[in-house]
Amino acid sequence: MIPDIATQFARLGKALASSQRVLLLDLLAQGERPVEALASASGMSLANASQHLRVLLAAHLVANRKQGLQVHYRLAGPAVLAFLGSLQSLAECQLAEVPQAAQAHLGVTDLEPVDHRELQRRVSAGEVVVIDVRPAEEYAAGHLPGAISVPVGELRRRIAELPRTAEIMAYCRGPYCVLAASAVEELRKRGFQARRLPDGPVQWAQRRIRTESGVSPSFRAGPAARTNPRKP
């Protein structure tokens, strides 16, 4: 390889040489958001998040735009989302610590992809209800067709909306996100049949799964709501 090209490739490795920057990229895989929201979601100070975002911007992994006084960040393009998927797959194959950490934090090791065609059939038949437990703005940026937005922080308050006659399937940001695991634990405590879907936006892009955008429809338990939870 030409040394100058190797140097350019290495820029990406340097940009990812921080767990905080990987975390920011994972958050941006959920959709565009202002730097203040990224700092809050990642647990970083505003100054620290801004510094890491500047490194990612210099490596052309993210892009930004100004809206009033706020600076909004997003992934620089679909290739970055694909890159995140490849990075995750490589880490899963090469690092034994990845499944060990998943087991420790999530209590699960089975991260096999879901048959989304079968899932959609079951949603349409009213056999399952799929809930997206990410924050509402992440749901609005892109979600599985038929999924209902129930942010994990609202789950206890809204649990009466969910039918007990159907299986509840919860998903969040991907296989290593704790939000869906927490939701499933809470649902099972309340007597629901519930499971966690491991996929998130990175996996949807890898598998070319169609997504929808927009706010969630209102949802109440009942045959009509269960069989067609999507907006018309």
C-alpha atoms as a PDB file:
ATOM      1  CA  MET A   1       0.000   0.000   0.000  1.00  0.00           C
ATOM      2  CA  ILE A   2       1.134   3.531  -0.709  1.00  0.00           C
ATOM      3  CA  PRO A   3       2.286   5.047   2.604  1.00  0.00           C
ATOM      4  CA  ASP A   4       0.331   8.268   2.063  1.00  0.00           C
ATOM      5  CA  ILE A   5      -2.877   6.273   1.624  1.00  0.00           C
ATOM      6  CA  ALA A   6      -2.100   4.186   4.697  1.00  0.00           C
ATOM      7  CA  THR A   7      -1.793   7.464   6.604  1.00  0.00           C
ATOM      8  CA  GLN A   8      -5.279   8.493   5.497  1.00  0.00           C
ATOM      9  CA  PHE A   9      -6.715   5.116   6.522  1.00  0.00           C
ATOM     10  CA  ALA A  10      -5.082   5.533   9.906  1.00  0.00           C
ATOM     11  CA  ARG A  11      -7.021   8.778  10.431  1.00  0.00           C
ATOM     12  CA  LEU A  12     -10.160   6.724  10.943  1.00  0.00           C
ATOM     13  CA  GLY A  13      -8.439   4.468  13.463  1.00  0.00           C
ATOM     14  CA  LYS A  14      -7.208   7.489  15.405  1.00  0.00           C
ATOM     15  CA  ALA A  15     -10.692   9.000  15.401  1.00  0.00           C
ATOM     16  CA  LEU A  16     -12.086   5.801  16.917  1.00  0.00           C
ATOM     17  CA  ALA A  17      -9.330   5.465  19.522  1.00  0.00           C
ATOM     18  CA  SER A  18     -11.719   6.592  22.253  1.00  0.00           C
ATOM     19  CA  SER A  19     -14.661   4.726  23.734  1.00  0.00           C
ATOM     20  CA  GLN A  20     -16.445   8.067  24.147  1.00  0.00           C
ATOM     21  CA  ARG A  21     -16.230   8.792  20.428  1.00  0.00           C
ATOM     22  CA  VAL A  22     -17.532   5.308  19.612  1.00  0.00           C
ATOM     23  CA  LEU A  23     -20.414   5.997  21.995  1.00  0.00           C
ATOM     24  CA  LEU A  24     -21.161   9.304  20.245  1.00  0.00           C
ATOM     25  CA  LEU A  25     -21.218   7.558  16.865  1.00  0.00           C
ATOM     26  CA  ASP A  26     -23.621   4.954  18.235  1.00  0.00           C
ATOM     27  CA  LEU A  27     -25.921   7.716  19.478  1.00  0.00           C
ATOM     28  CA  LEU A  28     -25.752   9.467  16.104  1.00  0.00           C
ATOM     29  CA  ALA A  29     -26.683   6.186  14.410  1.00  0.00           C
ATOM     30  CA  GLN A  30     -30.100   6.748  16.026  1.00  0.00           C
ATOM     31  CA  GLY A  31     -30.493  10.114  14.289  1.00  0.00           C
ATOM     32  CA  GLU A  32     -29.341  13.709  14.198  1.00  0.00           C
ATOM     33  CA  ARG A  33     -29.295  15.685  17.438  1.00  0.00           C
ATOM     34  CA  PRO A  34     -27.781  18.851  18.906  1.00  0.00           C
ATOM     35  CA  VAL A  35     -24.516  18.738  20.798  1.00  0.00           C
ATOM     36  CA  GLU A  36     -26.280  19.463  24.097  1.00  0.00           C
ATOM     37  CA  ALA A  37     -28.475  16.381  23.670  1.00  0.00           C
ATOM     38  CA  LEU A  38     -25.455  14.260  22.754  1.00  0.00           C
ATOM     39  CA  ALA A  39     -23.629  15.413  25.873  1.00  0.00           C
ATOM     40  CA  SER A  40     -26.637  14.567  28.046  1.00  0.00           C
ATOM     41  CA  ALA A  41     -27.267  11.152  26.452  1.00  0.00           C
ATOM     42  CA  SER A  42     -23.597  10.154  26.681  1.00  0.00           C
ATOM     43  CA  GLY A  43     -23.062  11.401  30.229  1.00  0.00           C
ATOM     44  CA  MET A  44     -20.313  13.776  29.101  1.00  0.00           C
ATOM     45  CA  SER A  45     -19.858  17.434  29.848  1.00  0.00           C
ATOM     46  CA  LEU A  46     -20.741  19.775  27.006  1.00  0.00           C
ATOM     47  CA  ALA A  47     -17.092  20.746  26.586  1.00  0.00           C
ATOM     48  CA  ASN A  48     -15.925  17.123  26.469  1.00  0.00           C
ATOM     49  CA  ALA A  49     -18.607  16.068  23.973  1.00  0.00           C
ATOM     50  CA  SER A  50     -17.798  19.062  21.764  1.00  0.00           C
ATOM     51  CA  GLN A  51     -14.102  18.177  21.786  1.00  0.00           C
ATOM     52  CA  HIS A  52     -14.761  14.576  20.759  1.00  0.00           C
ATOM     53  CA  LEU A  53     -17.204  15.673  18.054  1.00  0.00           C
ATOM     54  CA  ARG A  54     -14.556  17.959  16.574  1.00  0.00           C
ATOM     55  CA  VAL A  55     -12.223  14.952  16.236  1.00  0.00           C
ATOM     56  CA  LEU A  56     -14.963  12.972  14.475  1.00  0.00           C
ATOM     57  CA  LEU A  57     -15.720  15.949  12.253  1.00  0.00           C
ATOM     58  CA  ALA A  58     -12.060  16.266  11.238  1.00  0.00           C
ATOM     59  CA  ALA A  59     -12.091  12.585  10.216  1.00  0.00           C
ATOM     60  CA  HIS A  60     -15.279  13.182   8.191  1.00  0.00           C
ATOM     61  CA  LEU A  61     -17.198  10.596  10.215  1.00  0.00           C
ATOM     62  CA  VAL A  62     -19.801  13.163  11.228  1.00  0.00           C
ATOM     63  CA  ALA A  63     -21.231  16.317   9.702  1.00  0.00           C
ATOM     64  CA  ASN A  64     -22.907  19.268  11.358  1.00  0.00           C
ATOM     65  CA  ARG A  65     -25.216  22.178  10.700  1.00  0.00           C
ATOM     66  CA  LYS A  66     -26.267  25.249  12.629  1.00  0.00           C
ATOM     67  CA  GLN A  67     -29.883  25.898  13.551  1.00  0.00           C
ATOM     68  CA  GLY A  68     -30.157  29.164  15.386  1.00  0.00           C
ATOM     69  CA  LEU A  69     -27.669  29.004  18.234  1.00  0.00           C
ATOM     70  CA  GLN A  70     -27.532  25.205  18.258  1.00  0.00           C
ATOM     71  CA  VAL A  71     -25.131  22.962  16.354  1.00  0.00           C
ATOM     72  CA  HIS A  72     -26.698  19.690  15.212  1.00  0.00           C
ATOM     73  CA  TYR A  73     -24.575  16.641  14.403  1.00  0.00           C
ATOM     74  CA  ARG A  74     -25.305  13.601  12.235  1.00  0.00           C
ATOM     75  CA  LEU A  75     -23.377  10.709  10.722  1.00  0.00           C
ATOM     76  CA  ALA A  76     -21.577  11.842   7.588  1.00  0.00           C
ATOM     77  CA  GLY A  77     -23.427   9.307   5.441  1.00  0.00           C
ATOM     78  CA  PRO A  78     -24.619   5.719   4.982  1.00  0.00           C
ATOM     79  CA  ALA A  79     -21.017   4.534   4.618  1.00  0.00           C
ATOM     80  CA  VAL A  80     -20.341   5.532   8.225  1.00  0.00           C
ATOM     81  CA  LEU A  81     -23.330   3.511   9.396  1.00  0.00           C
ATOM     82  CA  ALA A  82     -22.006   0.528   7.425  1.00  0.00           C
ATOM     83  CA  PHE A  83     -18.571   1.100   8.950  1.00  0.00           C
ATOM     84  CA  LEU A  84     -20.056   0.948  12.448  1.00  0.00           C
ATOM     85  CA  GLY A  85     -21.747  -2.332  11.557  1.00  0.00           C
ATOM     86  CA  SER A  86     -18.484  -3.796  10.266  1.00  0.00           C
ATOM     87  CA  LEU A  87     -16.625  -2.600  13.353  1.00  0.00           C
ATOM     88  CA  GLN A  88     -19.159  -4.264  15.605  1.00  0.00           C
ATOM     89  CA  SER A  89     -19.082  -7.525  13.642  1.00  0.00           C
ATOM     90  CA  LEU A  90     -15.272  -7.592  13.729  1.00  0.00           C
ATOM     91  CA  ALA A  91     -15.207  -6.956  17.482  1.00  0.00           C
ATOM     92  CA  GLU A  92     -17.744  -9.744  18.065  1.00  0.00           C
ATOM     93  CA  CYS A  93     -15.595 -12.183  16.072  1.00  0.00           C
ATOM     94  CA  GLN A  94     -12.186 -11.214  17.428  1.00  0.00           C
ATOM     95  CA  LEU A  95     -12.755 -10.106  21.013  1.00  0.00           C
ATOM     96  CA  ALA A  96     -14.018 -12.609  23.578  1.00  0.00           C
ATOM     97  CA  GLU A  97     -14.619  -9.675  25.912  1.00  0.00           C
ATOM     98  CA  VAL A  98     -17.590  -8.501  23.825  1.00  0.00           C
ATOM     99  CA  PRO A  99     -19.957 -11.440  24.572  1.00  0.00           C
ATOM    100  CA  GLN A 100     -18.626 -11.549  28.127  1.00  0.00           C
ATOM    101  CA  ALA A 101     -19.568  -7.912  28.669  1.00  0.00           C
ATOM    102  CA  ALA A 102     -22.962  -8.494  27.047  1.00  0.00           C
ATOM    103  CA  GLN A 103     -23.611 -11.383  29.413  1.00  0.00           C
ATOM    104  CA  ALA A 104     -22.563  -9.313  32.425  1.00  0.00           C
ATOM    105  CA  HIS A 105     -24.670  -6.260  31.581  1.00  0.00           C
ATOM    106  CA  LEU A 106     -27.609  -7.720  29.669  1.00  0.00           C
ATOM    107  CA  GLY A 107     -27.809 -11.303  30.869  1.00  0.00           C
ATOM    108  CA  VAL A 108     -28.037 -12.572  27.288  1.00  0.00           C
ATOM    109  CA  THR A 109     -25.615 -14.037  24.777  1.00  0.00           C
ATOM    110  CA  ASP A 110     -27.990 -14.945  21.926  1.00  0.00           C
ATOM    111  CA  LEU A 111     -27.676 -12.101  19.435  1.00  0.00           C
ATOM    112  CA  GLU A 112     -28.967 -13.908  16.340  1.00  0.00           C
ATOM    113  CA  PRO A 113     -30.722 -11.634  13.805  1.00  0.00           C
ATOM    114  CA  VAL A 114     -34.515 -11.560  13.812  1.00  0.00           C
ATOM    115  CA  ASP A 115     -36.564 -12.725  10.832  1.00  0.00           C
ATOM    116  CA  HIS A 116     -38.221  -9.367  10.210  1.00  0.00           C
ATOM    117  CA  ARG A 117     -40.656 -10.684   7.607  1.00  0.00           C
ATOM    118  CA  GLU A 118     -42.017 -13.128  10.154  1.00  0.00           C
ATOM    119  CA  LEU A 119     -42.055 -10.383  12.753  1.00  0.00           C
ATOM    120  CA  GLN A 120     -44.137  -8.134  10.503  1.00  0.00           C
ATOM    121  CA  ARG A 121     -46.539 -10.993   9.805  1.00  0.00           C
ATOM    122  CA  ARG A 122     -47.025 -11.529  13.522  1.00  0.00           C
ATOM    123  CA  VAL A 123     -47.527  -7.799  14.108  1.00  0.00           C
ATOM    124  CA  SER A 124     -50.164  -7.664  11.354  1.00  0.00           C
ATOM    125  CA  ALA A 125     -51.893 -10.726  12.806  1.00  0.00           C
ATOM    126  CA  GLY A 126     -52.025  -9.130  16.257  1.00  0.00           C
ATOM    127  CA  GLU A 127     -49.861 -11.881  17.747  1.00  0.00           C
ATOM    128  CA  VAL A 128     -47.171  -9.458  18.938  1.00  0.00           C
ATOM    129  CA  VAL A 129     -46.830  -5.784  19.773  1.00  0.00           C
ATOM    130  CA  VAL A 130     -43.442  -4.234  19.036  1.00  0.00           C
ATOM    131  CA  ILE A 131     -42.388  -1.331  21.233  1.00  0.00           C
ATOM    132  CA  ASP A 132     -39.490   1.040  20.648  1.00  0.00           C
ATOM    133  CA  VAL A 133     -38.168   2.032  24.072  1.00  0.00           C
ATOM    134  CA  ARG A 134     -35.655   4.625  22.880  1.00  0.00           C
ATOM    135  CA  PRO A 135     -36.323   8.339  23.444  1.00  0.00           C
ATOM    136  CA  ALA A 136     -39.139   9.679  21.275  1.00  0.00           C
ATOM    137  CA  GLU A 137     -36.811  11.716  19.043  1.00  0.00           C
ATOM    138  CA  GLU A 138     -34.854   8.583  18.122  1.00  0.00           C
ATOM    139  CA  TYR A 139     -38.082   6.773  17.269  1.00  0.00           C
ATOM    140  CA  ALA A 140     -39.137   9.713  15.078  1.00  0.00           C
ATOM    141  CA  ALA A 141     -35.827   9.618  13.187  1.00  0.00           C
ATOM    142  CA  GLY A 142     -36.346   5.978  12.170  1.00  0.00           C
ATOM    143  CA  HIS A 143     -38.136   2.912  13.535  1.00  0.00           C
ATOM    144  CA  LEU A 144     -39.444  -0.500  12.537  1.00  0.00           C
ATOM    145  CA  PRO A 145     -42.794  -0.432  10.714  1.00  0.00           C
ATOM    146  CA  GLY A 146     -45.613  -1.070  13.152  1.00  0.00           C
ATOM    147  CA  ALA A 147     -43.549  -0.289  16.241  1.00  0.00           C
ATOM    148  CA  ILE A 148     -45.066   1.891  18.959  1.00  0.00           C
ATOM    149  CA  SER A 149     -42.966   4.443  20.812  1.00  0.00           C
ATOM    150  CA  VAL A 150     -42.898   3.708  24.550  1.00  0.00           C
ATOM    151  CA  PRO A 151     -39.708   5.321  25.943  1.00  0.00           C
ATOM    152  CA  VAL A 152     -38.392   3.215  28.791  1.00  0.00           C
ATOM    153  CA  GLY A 153     -38.847   6.086  31.227  1.00  0.00           C
ATOM    154  CA  GLU A 154     -42.583   6.134  30.432  1.00  0.00           C
ATOM    155  CA  LEU A 155     -43.126   2.383  30.537  1.00  0.00           C
ATOM    156  CA  ARG A 156     -44.507   2.101  34.069  1.00  0.00           C
ATOM    157  CA  ARG A 157     -46.930   4.965  33.498  1.00  0.00           C
ATOM    158  CA  ARG A 158     -48.144   3.583  30.166  1.00  0.00           C
ATOM    159  CA  ILE A 159     -48.066  -0.131  30.882  1.00  0.00           C
ATOM    160  CA  ALA A 160     -51.885  -0.304  30.995  1.00  0.00           C
ATOM    161  CA  GLU A 161     -51.913   0.549  27.275  1.00  0.00           C
ATOM    162  CA  LEU A 162     -50.261  -2.749  26.385  1.00  0.00           C
ATOM    163  CA  PRO A 163     -52.367  -5.858  25.724  1.00  0.00           C
ATOM    164  CA  ARG A 164     -51.840  -8.945  27.836  1.00  0.00           C
ATOM    165  CA  THR A 165     -53.130 -11.186  25.046  1.00  0.00           C
ATOM    166  CA  ALA A 166     -50.148 -10.531  22.769  1.00  0.00           C
ATOM    167  CA  GLU A 167     -46.420 -11.013  23.212  1.00  0.00           C
ATOM    168  CA  ILE A 168     -44.529  -7.746  23.714  1.00  0.00           C
ATOM    169  CA  MET A 169     -41.252  -7.372  21.840  1.00  0.00           C
ATOM    170  CA  ALA A 170     -39.020  -4.467  22.831  1.00  0.00           C
ATOM    171  CA  TYR A 171     -36.036  -3.034  21.014  1.00  0.00           C
ATOM    172  CA  CYS A 172     -33.717  -0.074  21.489  1.00  0.00           C
ATOM    173  CA  ARG A 173     -30.400   1.060  20.005  1.00  0.00           C
ATOM    174  CA  GLY A 174     -28.984  -2.365  19.211  1.00  0.00           C
ATOM    175  CA  PRO A 175     -27.650  -5.554  20.767  1.00  0.00           C
ATOM    176  CA  TYR A 176     -25.558  -3.785  23.409  1.00  0.00           C
ATOM    177  CA  CYS A 177     -28.133  -1.265  24.611  1.00  0.00           C
ATOM    178  CA  VAL A 178     -29.622  -1.798  28.075  1.00  0.00           C
ATOM    179  CA  LEU A 179     -32.927   0.025  27.494  1.00  0.00           C
ATOM    180  CA  ALA A 180     -34.803  -2.917  25.967  1.00  0.00           C
ATOM    181  CA  ALA A 181     -33.382  -5.344  28.519  1.00  0.00           C
ATOM    182  CA  SER A 182     -34.679  -3.102  31.320  1.00  0.00           C
ATOM    183  CA  ALA A 183     -38.087  -2.838  29.628  1.00  0.00           C
ATOM    184  CA  VAL A 184     -38.403  -6.609  29.234  1.00  0.00           C
ATOM    185  CA  GLU A 185     -37.459  -7.150  32.873  1.00  0.00           C
ATOM    186  CA  GLU A 186     -40.138  -4.681  33.980  1.00  0.00           C
ATOM    187  CA  LEU A 187     -42.778  -6.214  31.703  1.00  0.00           C
ATOM    188  CA  ARG A 188     -42.078  -9.726  32.937  1.00  0.00           C
ATOM    189  CA  LYS A 189     -42.383  -8.549  36.535  1.00  0.00           C
ATOM    190  CA  ARG A 190     -45.864  -7.278  35.634  1.00  0.00           C
ATOM    191  CA  GLY A 191     -46.862 -10.643  34.162  1.00  0.00           C
ATOM    192  CA  PHE A 192     -46.407  -9.860  30.466  1.00  0.00           C
ATOM    193  CA  GLN A 193     -44.937 -12.252  27.967  1.00  0.00           C
ATOM    194  CA  ALA A 194     -42.022 -10.153  26.710  1.00  0.00           C
ATOM    195  CA  ARG A 195     -38.842 -10.575  24.722  1.00  0.00           C
ATOM    196  CA  ARG A 196     -35.995  -8.360  23.601  1.00  0.00           C
ATOM    197  CA  LEU A 197     -35.236  -7.763  19.940  1.00  0.00           C
ATOM    198  CA  PRO A 198     -31.465  -7.326  19.582  1.00  0.00           C
ATOM    199  CA  ASP A 199     -31.360  -5.233  16.406  1.00  0.00           C
ATOM    200  CA  GLY A 200     -31.107  -1.457  16.109  1.00  0.00           C
ATOM    201  CA  PRO A 201     -30.393   1.060  13.317  1.00  0.00           C
ATOM    202  CA  VAL A 202     -26.907  -0.296  12.569  1.00  0.00           C
ATOM    203  CA  GLN A 203     -28.247  -3.832  12.096  1.00  0.00           C
ATOM    204  CA  TRP A 204     -31.257  -2.601  10.099  1.00  0.00           C
ATOM    205  CA  ALA A 205     -28.882  -0.899   7.675  1.00  0.00           C
ATOM    206  CA  GLN A 206     -26.696  -4.007   7.423  1.00  0.00           C
ATOM    207  CA  ARG A 207     -29.712  -6.168   6.565  1.00  0.00           C
ATOM    208  CA  ARG A 208     -31.452  -3.550   4.412  1.00  0.00           C
ATOM    209  CA  ILE A 209     -34.527  -3.589   6.599  1.00  0.00           C
ATOM    210  CA  ARG A 210     -37.076  -0.944   5.714  1.00  0.00           C
ATOM    211  CA  THR A 211     -37.757   1.645   8.388  1.00  0.00           C
ATOM    212  CA  GLU A 212     -40.255   4.448   8.836  1.00  0.00           C
ATOM    213  CA  SER A 213     -39.932   7.913  10.341  1.00  0.00           C
ATOM    214  CA  GLY A 214     -42.349  10.192  12.179  1.00  0.00           C
ATOM    215  CA  VAL A 215     -44.043  10.367  15.537  1.00  0.00           C
ATOM    216  CA  SER A 216     -45.771   7.386  17.107  1.00  0.00           C
ATOM    217  CA  PRO A 217     -49.531   6.915  16.787  1.00  0.00           C
ATOM    218  CA  SER A 218     -51.555   6.778  19.950  1.00  0.00           C
ATOM    219  CA  PHE A 219     -52.045   3.234  21.189  1.00  0.00           C
ATOM    220  CA  ARG A 220     -54.574   1.568  23.389  1.00  0.00           C
ATOM    221  CA  ALA A 221     -55.040  -2.137  24.002  1.00  0.00           C
ATOM    222  CA  GLY A 222     -57.768  -3.663  21.893  1.00  0.00           C
ATOM    223  CA  PRO A 223     -58.182  -5.780  18.755  1.00  0.00           C
ATOM    224  CA  ALA A 224     -58.136  -2.868  16.313  1.00  0.00           C
ATOM    225  CA  ALA A 225     -55.039  -1.318  17.878  1.00  0.00           C
ATOM    226  CA  ARG A 226     -53.243  -4.652  18.045  1.00  0.00           C
ATOM    227  CA  THR A 227     -53.829  -5.596  14.470  1.00  0.00           C
ATOM    228  CA  ASN A 228     -52.936  -2.236  12.927  1.00  0.00           C
ATOM    229  CA  PRO A 229     -50.808  -0.074  15.200  1.00  0.00           C
ATOM    230  CA  ARG A 230     -49.390   1.977  12.332  1.00  0.00           C
ATOM    231  CA  LYS A 231     -50.686   5.323  11.173  1.00  0.00           C
ATOM    232  CA  PRO A 232     -52.940   5.046   8.113  1.00  0.00           C
END
